[in-house]
Protein backbone atom coordinates (compact mmCIF):
# COMPACT_ATOMS: atom_id res chain seq x y z
CA UNK A 1 -110.91 -123.42 201.27
CA UNK A 2 -112.04 -121.31 198.30
CA UNK A 3 -113.68 -118.92 200.75
CA UNK A 4 -113.79 -115.31 199.59
CA UNK A 5 -111.50 -112.86 201.37
CA UNK A 6 -111.76 -109.13 200.67
CA UNK A 7 -108.38 -107.43 200.52
CA UNK A 8 -109.02 -103.72 201.04
CA UNK A 9 -106.48 -101.63 199.10
CA UNK A 10 -105.33 -98.82 201.37
CA UNK A 11 -102.33 -97.55 199.39
CA UNK A 12 -104.11 -94.53 197.84
CA UNK A 13 -104.68 -92.97 201.26
CA UNK A 14 -102.57 -94.69 203.89
CA UNK A 15 -99.72 -95.49 201.54
CA UNK A 16 -99.47 -92.12 199.82
CA UNK A 17 -100.63 -89.59 202.40
CA UNK A 18 -97.22 -89.08 204.05
CA UNK A 19 -95.07 -89.75 200.99
CA UNK A 20 -92.41 -87.05 200.78
CA UNK A 21 -92.52 -86.63 196.98
CA UNK A 22 -95.69 -84.91 195.66
CA UNK A 23 -97.78 -87.32 193.58
CA UNK A 24 -99.68 -85.69 190.68
CA UNK A 25 -103.41 -86.30 190.53
CA UNK A 26 -103.19 -88.01 187.15
CA UNK A 27 -100.56 -90.40 188.53
CA UNK A 28 -102.77 -91.30 191.48
CA UNK A 29 -105.76 -91.92 189.22
CA UNK A 30 -103.67 -94.01 186.82
CA UNK A 31 -102.57 -96.38 189.57
CA UNK A 32 -105.97 -96.54 191.22
CA UNK A 33 -107.32 -97.69 187.86
CA UNK A 34 -104.61 -100.35 187.76
CA UNK A 35 -105.55 -101.43 191.28
CA UNK A 36 -109.15 -101.84 190.15
CA UNK A 37 -107.91 -103.80 187.15
CA UNK A 38 -105.86 -106.15 189.34
CA UNK A 39 -108.90 -106.98 191.45
CA UNK A 40 -109.43 -104.44 194.23
CA UNK A 41 -113.12 -103.95 195.00
CA UNK A 42 -112.77 -101.87 198.16
CA UNK A 43 -110.46 -98.92 198.79
CA UNK A 44 -109.33 -96.69 201.61
CA UNK A 45 -109.07 -94.02 198.93
CA UNK A 46 -108.68 -90.47 200.23
CA UNK A 47 -108.93 -88.28 203.30
CA UNK A 48 -110.74 -84.95 203.42
CA UNK A 49 -108.34 -83.08 205.67
CA UNK A 50 -106.56 -79.74 205.57
CA UNK A 51 -104.01 -79.60 202.70
CA UNK A 52 -101.83 -77.63 205.11
CA UNK A 53 -101.31 -80.76 207.20
CA UNK A 54 -101.60 -83.45 204.51
CA UNK A 55 -100.64 -81.92 201.14
CA UNK A 56 -100.93 -85.24 199.31
CA UNK A 57 -104.68 -85.23 199.94
CA UNK A 58 -105.39 -81.77 198.52
CA UNK A 59 -106.91 -83.38 195.41
CA UNK A 60 -109.15 -85.79 197.34
CA UNK A 61 -112.37 -84.68 195.61
CA UNK A 62 -110.94 -85.10 192.10
CA UNK A 63 -109.35 -88.46 192.90
CA UNK A 64 -112.64 -89.73 194.33
CA UNK A 65 -114.67 -88.52 191.39
CA UNK A 66 -112.29 -89.92 188.75
CA UNK A 67 -112.14 -93.27 190.55
CA UNK A 68 -115.93 -93.50 190.72
CA UNK A 69 -116.15 -92.57 187.05
CA UNK A 70 -113.79 -95.39 186.04
CA UNK A 71 -115.65 -97.96 188.15
CA UNK A 72 -118.92 -96.87 186.55
CA UNK A 73 -117.43 -97.19 183.07
CA UNK A 74 -116.43 -100.77 183.88
CA UNK A 75 -119.79 -101.54 185.47
CA UNK A 76 -118.05 -102.59 188.68
CA UNK A 77 -119.40 -102.15 192.21
CA UNK A 78 -116.39 -100.63 193.98
CA UNK A 79 -116.50 -99.15 197.47
CA UNK A 80 -114.33 -96.05 197.90
CA UNK A 81 -113.93 -95.01 201.54
CA UNK A 82 -113.16 -91.40 202.42
CA UNK A 83 -111.59 -90.58 205.78
CA UNK A 84 -113.13 -87.62 207.61
CA UNK A 85 -111.80 -86.12 210.83
CA UNK A 86 -114.17 -83.19 211.44
CA UNK A 87 -117.40 -81.56 210.33
CA UNK A 88 -115.74 -79.72 207.45
CA UNK A 89 -114.22 -82.96 206.23
CA UNK A 90 -117.62 -84.64 206.22
CA UNK A 91 -119.14 -81.72 204.35
CA UNK A 92 -116.42 -81.83 201.70
CA UNK A 93 -116.58 -85.62 201.36
CA UNK A 94 -120.33 -85.65 200.84
CA UNK A 95 -120.11 -82.73 198.43
CA UNK A 96 -117.55 -84.70 196.40
CA UNK A 97 -119.93 -87.66 196.19
CA UNK A 98 -118.59 -89.95 198.90
CA UNK A 99 -120.91 -92.86 199.69
CA UNK A 100 -118.64 -94.48 202.29
CA UNK A 101 -116.97 -92.50 205.07
CA UNK A 102 -114.50 -93.51 207.74
CA UNK A 103 -113.92 -92.02 211.18
CA UNK A 104 -110.97 -92.67 213.51
CA UNK A 105 -110.68 -92.98 217.28
CA UNK A 106 -107.65 -94.43 219.00
CA UNK A 107 -108.24 -97.14 221.58
CA UNK A 108 -105.07 -95.97 223.35
CA UNK A 109 -105.46 -92.96 225.62
CA UNK A 110 -101.88 -91.87 225.02
CA UNK A 111 -102.03 -92.27 221.25
CA UNK A 112 -105.38 -90.49 221.10
CA UNK A 113 -103.97 -87.54 223.03
CA UNK A 114 -100.97 -87.31 220.69
CA UNK A 115 -103.08 -87.83 217.57
CA UNK A 116 -106.19 -85.79 218.39
CA UNK A 117 -105.26 -83.85 221.55
CA UNK A 118 -108.34 -85.33 223.23
CA UNK A 119 -109.24 -88.08 225.67
CA UNK A 120 -110.95 -91.12 224.20
CA UNK A 121 -114.29 -90.06 225.70
CA UNK A 122 -113.95 -86.59 224.19
CA UNK A 123 -113.16 -88.12 220.80
CA UNK A 124 -116.10 -90.49 221.15
CA UNK A 125 -118.54 -87.65 221.79
CA UNK A 126 -117.09 -85.70 218.88
CA UNK A 127 -117.42 -88.75 216.64
CA UNK A 128 -121.06 -89.23 217.63
CA UNK A 129 -121.79 -85.61 216.75
CA UNK A 130 -120.12 -86.03 213.36
CA UNK A 131 -121.86 -89.31 212.65
CA UNK A 132 -125.21 -87.63 213.22
CA UNK A 133 -124.46 -85.43 210.18
CA UNK A 134 -124.10 -88.43 207.88
CA UNK A 135 -127.21 -89.77 206.21
CA UNK A 136 -127.58 -92.45 203.56
CA UNK A 137 -123.91 -93.48 203.34
CA UNK A 138 -121.89 -96.33 204.80
CA UNK A 139 -119.96 -95.56 207.96
CA UNK A 140 -116.82 -97.26 209.28
CA UNK A 141 -115.13 -96.61 212.61
CA UNK A 142 -111.40 -97.29 212.50
CA UNK A 143 -109.95 -98.08 215.92
CA UNK A 144 -106.30 -97.06 215.87
CA UNK A 145 -104.13 -99.02 218.32
CA UNK A 146 -106.99 -101.47 218.71
CA UNK A 147 -104.46 -104.29 218.99
CA UNK A 148 -102.10 -102.52 221.36
CA UNK A 149 -100.39 -99.24 222.17
CA UNK A 150 -96.71 -98.48 221.49
CA UNK A 151 -96.67 -96.11 224.46
CA UNK A 152 -97.11 -98.74 227.15
CA UNK A 153 -100.68 -97.90 228.19
CA UNK A 154 -103.17 -100.75 228.43
CA UNK A 155 -105.81 -101.25 225.72
CA UNK A 156 -108.30 -103.66 227.32
CA UNK A 157 -110.72 -105.74 225.27
CA UNK A 158 -113.66 -104.27 227.21
CA UNK A 159 -112.72 -100.79 225.96
CA UNK A 160 -112.67 -102.05 222.37
CA UNK A 161 -116.10 -103.62 222.82
CA UNK A 162 -117.49 -100.45 224.42
CA UNK A 163 -116.27 -98.21 221.59
CA UNK A 164 -117.72 -100.57 218.99
CA UNK A 165 -121.08 -100.80 220.74
CA UNK A 166 -121.28 -97.00 220.93
CA UNK A 167 -120.41 -96.79 217.22
CA UNK A 168 -123.12 -99.26 216.25
CA UNK A 169 -125.68 -97.13 218.09
CA UNK A 170 -125.07 -94.20 215.73
CA UNK A 171 -125.20 -96.17 212.48
CA UNK A 172 -121.70 -97.55 211.97
CA UNK A 173 -121.86 -100.93 210.27
CA UNK A 174 -118.16 -101.78 210.01
CA UNK A 175 -115.24 -101.70 212.46
CA UNK A 176 -111.64 -101.35 211.33
CA UNK A 177 -109.47 -102.94 214.01
CA UNK A 178 -105.99 -101.49 213.68
CA UNK A 179 -102.56 -102.63 214.79
CA UNK A 180 -101.22 -99.13 214.24
CA UNK A 181 -97.74 -99.79 215.61
CA UNK A 182 -97.47 -103.38 214.40
CA UNK A 183 -96.94 -104.73 217.91
CA UNK A 184 -99.64 -107.39 218.18
CA UNK A 185 -99.01 -111.13 218.03
CA UNK A 186 -101.31 -113.88 216.73
CA UNK A 187 -102.55 -114.93 220.17
CA UNK A 188 -103.47 -111.35 221.12
CA UNK A 189 -105.04 -110.71 217.72
CA UNK A 190 -107.26 -113.76 218.18
CA UNK A 191 -108.18 -112.67 221.72
CA UNK A 192 -109.44 -109.26 220.60
CA UNK A 193 -111.29 -110.65 217.58
CA UNK A 194 -113.03 -113.19 219.81
CA UNK A 195 -114.07 -110.40 222.16
CA UNK A 196 -115.61 -108.49 219.23
CA UNK A 197 -117.38 -111.57 217.94
CA UNK A 198 -119.35 -111.59 221.18
CA UNK A 199 -121.02 -108.28 220.22
CA UNK A 200 -121.15 -108.26 216.40
CA UNK A 201 -121.02 -110.41 213.30
CA UNK A 202 -117.57 -111.35 212.03
CA UNK A 203 -118.47 -109.80 208.65
CA UNK A 204 -118.46 -106.37 210.36
CA UNK A 205 -114.80 -106.64 211.37
CA UNK A 206 -111.96 -105.49 209.13
CA UNK A 207 -108.34 -105.92 210.24
CA UNK A 208 -105.70 -103.27 209.55
CA UNK A 209 -102.18 -104.53 210.20
CA UNK A 210 -98.72 -102.99 210.19
CA UNK A 211 -95.49 -104.96 210.05
CA UNK A 212 -93.14 -103.13 212.43
CA UNK A 213 -92.04 -106.35 214.17
CA UNK A 214 -92.46 -108.70 211.23
CA UNK A 215 -95.71 -110.25 212.50
CA UNK A 216 -98.11 -108.67 210.01
CA UNK A 217 -98.81 -111.78 207.96
CA UNK A 218 -98.87 -114.00 211.05
CA UNK A 219 -101.56 -111.73 212.51
CA UNK A 220 -103.43 -111.77 209.20
CA UNK A 221 -103.41 -115.57 209.25
CA UNK A 222 -104.64 -115.59 212.85
CA UNK A 223 -107.48 -113.22 211.89
CA UNK A 224 -108.53 -115.42 208.98
CA UNK A 225 -108.48 -118.46 211.26
CA UNK A 226 -110.96 -116.61 213.49
CA UNK A 227 -113.26 -116.11 210.50
CA UNK A 228 -112.34 -112.56 209.45
CA UNK A 229 -113.05 -112.06 205.75
CA UNK A 230 -111.80 -108.49 205.27
CA UNK A 231 -108.20 -107.33 205.69
CA UNK A 232 -106.40 -104.12 204.71
CA UNK A 233 -103.15 -104.02 202.77
CA UNK A 234 -101.16 -101.45 200.79
CA UNK A 235 -99.51 -102.03 197.44
CA UNK A 236 -95.77 -102.23 198.02
CA UNK A 237 -96.23 -102.20 201.80
CA UNK A 238 -96.22 -98.39 201.70
CA UNK A 239 -97.53 -96.17 204.49
CA UNK A 240 -97.35 -95.98 208.24
CA UNK A 241 -98.49 -93.82 211.13
CA UNK A 242 -96.66 -90.47 211.57
CA UNK A 243 -97.70 -90.32 215.23
CA UNK A 244 -95.95 -93.59 216.13
CA UNK A 245 -92.15 -93.24 216.18
CA UNK A 246 -90.44 -95.86 214.01
CA UNK A 247 -93.66 -97.43 212.78
CA UNK A 248 -93.18 -99.52 209.65
CA UNK A 249 -95.57 -99.66 206.73
CA UNK A 250 -98.75 -101.60 206.17
CA UNK A 251 -98.62 -105.25 205.25
CA UNK A 252 -98.13 -105.43 201.48
CA UNK A 253 -101.02 -106.25 199.19
CA UNK A 254 -98.83 -108.63 197.19
CA UNK A 255 -97.62 -110.48 200.31
CA UNK A 256 -101.14 -110.85 201.72
CA UNK A 257 -102.63 -111.96 198.40
CA UNK A 258 -99.77 -114.43 197.87
CA UNK A 259 -100.33 -115.97 201.31
CA UNK A 260 -104.11 -116.17 201.00
CA UNK A 261 -104.02 -117.67 197.52
CA UNK A 262 -101.39 -120.20 198.63
CA UNK A 263 -103.84 -121.24 201.37
CA UNK A 264 -106.61 -121.67 198.82
CA UNK A 265 -108.62 -118.51 199.54
CA UNK A 266 -110.28 -116.54 196.75
CA UNK A 267 -109.14 -112.90 196.76
CA UNK A 268 -110.16 -112.01 193.22
CA UNK A 269 -106.71 -110.47 192.71
CA UNK A 270 -104.37 -111.12 189.78
CA UNK A 271 -101.02 -111.40 191.59
CA UNK A 272 -98.88 -110.84 188.49
CA UNK A 273 -100.76 -107.60 187.80
CA UNK A 274 -100.30 -106.52 191.42
CA UNK A 275 -96.55 -107.01 191.17
CA UNK A 276 -96.38 -105.15 187.85
CA UNK A 277 -98.30 -102.21 189.32
CA UNK A 278 -96.16 -102.09 192.47
CA UNK A 279 -92.93 -102.02 190.48
CA UNK A 280 -94.03 -99.28 188.08
CA UNK A 281 -95.75 -97.23 190.80
CA UNK A 282 -92.78 -97.28 193.15
CA UNK A 283 -90.41 -96.35 190.34
CA UNK A 284 -92.60 -93.43 189.28
CA UNK A 285 -93.31 -91.96 192.72
CA UNK A 286 -89.81 -92.68 194.09
CA UNK A 287 -90.90 -95.13 196.77
CA UNK A 288 -89.21 -98.31 197.97
CA UNK A 289 -91.48 -101.38 198.21
CA UNK A 290 -91.02 -103.30 201.45
CA UNK A 291 -92.77 -106.52 200.49
CA UNK A 292 -91.10 -109.89 200.86
CA UNK A 293 -92.54 -111.11 197.57
CA UNK A 294 -90.93 -108.32 195.56
CA UNK A 295 -87.56 -109.08 197.15
CA UNK A 296 -87.95 -112.83 196.65
CA UNK A 297 -88.82 -112.44 192.97
CA UNK A 298 -85.71 -110.26 192.50
CA UNK A 299 -83.52 -112.95 194.05
CA UNK A 300 -85.06 -115.73 191.96
CA UNK A 301 -84.75 -113.70 188.79
CA UNK A 302 -81.13 -112.93 189.64
């Protein structure tokens, strides 16, 4: 053990984007700074989308710039990913100074139709066109429903491999494999990771897990057993997919860090600081943390 595991903090985008209570820019920046202070070195930070559809992301440019400024002041090498869904989003992200951009395609035909109103092939061609606009920055392709669809349609491993291979051809260097509905199990998670390992290096695979059926940490453990060294998590377990009915939040940063550290892995996170941030953040933005660790600490303290 002692192996380094990167825990990607996704709360600033995935955790906050659908939060019902508006979060002021200064509040977002304050907690992103705390996340950097507790050890996060990679973020799913903002999305450059229409404020009409995602009001919480209307200040994406300012949040990105202030976060980069703080990292520079500390002399830390922090990667801040910006989600882009169309050409205008890419233009705005690059204008704001983004050096890492993320695209999304669903590996489920049904989910992709509901999410993007396109077939997977149509989304793939659109993605390729967008990727051609991006020069000199890191590119990630996030595969929503990459570990299964909540709508009953099949998501074969060969389709996952095909989408990844097409992404690599246009300059993507990192794949985000998502369990968008939280329906995978450890055996299936291992199966898909093994399929991807046949076409790329394990260091290019990041796992994004939700906890709808309580298997988030079990799937995270299975991924680590397969050699994955990068996993997403959200402070407090906030977030979820609005296009999947009943979907629960992301696995919690504090739960994932607690498990990995208990197993002897090096996350670089200060767990006490994570818990302190989660408590104060959730109180301030009127959110309810879903993590097991927060609940367990309450019981022990009581």
